[in-house]
């Protein structure tokens, strides 16, 4: 149970950060809530690299 909560907290963090960056959907048309933690983390890192932060 604790692991699941941790995963959900991390997913929420990445979703919120991506939304702040103006990222709402993947190129495939998937919404952020449809993505796994690893997908969200990869996208976050890529978007952050684009902005140079």
Protein backbone atom coordinates (compact mmCIF):
# COMPACT_ATOMS: atom_id res chain seq x y z
CA UNK A 1 0.00 0.00 0.00
CA UNK A 2 2.76 2.43 0.87
CA UNK A 3 4.52 1.76 -2.45
CA UNK A 4 1.33 2.50 -4.38
CA UNK A 5 0.91 5.79 -2.52
CA UNK A 6 4.52 6.71 -3.25
CA UNK A 7 4.04 5.97 -6.96
CA UNK A 8 0.87 8.09 -7.06
CA UNK A 9 2.64 10.98 -5.33
CA UNK A 10 5.48 10.85 -7.83
CA UNK A 11 3.06 10.64 -10.76
CA UNK A 12 1.20 13.68 -9.39
CA UNK A 13 4.48 15.59 -9.11
CA UNK A 14 5.43 14.89 -12.74
CA UNK A 15 1.93 15.61 -14.04
CA UNK A 16 1.84 18.96 -12.21
CA UNK A 17 5.30 19.93 -13.43
CA UNK A 18 4.47 18.99 -17.02
CA UNK A 19 1.24 20.97 -16.86
CA UNK A 20 3.20 24.01 -15.65
CA UNK A 21 5.44 23.58 -18.72
CA UNK A 22 2.37 23.57 -20.97
CA UNK A 23 2.61 19.86 -21.75
CA UNK A 24 -0.85 18.28 -21.85
CA UNK A 25 -0.76 15.32 -24.26
CA UNK A 26 1.79 13.02 -25.82
CA UNK A 27 2.30 13.16 -29.59
CA UNK A 28 0.23 9.94 -29.68
CA UNK A 29 -2.67 11.82 -28.07
CA UNK A 30 -2.45 10.25 -24.62
CA UNK A 31 -3.41 12.34 -21.61
CA UNK A 32 -0.95 12.62 -18.72
CA UNK A 33 -3.20 10.59 -16.42
CA UNK A 34 -2.96 7.66 -18.85
CA UNK A 35 0.83 7.40 -18.53
CA UNK A 36 2.98 5.28 -16.25
CA UNK A 37 5.41 6.77 -13.77
CA UNK A 38 8.35 5.90 -15.99
CA UNK A 39 6.67 7.52 -19.02
CA UNK A 40 5.99 10.68 -17.05
CA UNK A 41 9.55 10.79 -15.75
CA UNK A 42 11.01 10.37 -19.27
CA UNK A 43 8.80 13.09 -20.71
CA UNK A 44 9.60 15.41 -17.80
CA UNK A 45 13.34 14.96 -18.29
CA UNK A 46 13.04 15.54 -22.04
CA UNK A 47 10.92 18.67 -21.61
CA UNK A 48 13.23 20.00 -18.93
CA UNK A 49 16.22 19.44 -21.23
CA UNK A 50 14.47 21.40 -24.00
CA UNK A 51 14.09 24.41 -21.73
CA UNK A 52 17.64 24.10 -20.45
CA UNK A 53 16.65 23.84 -16.79
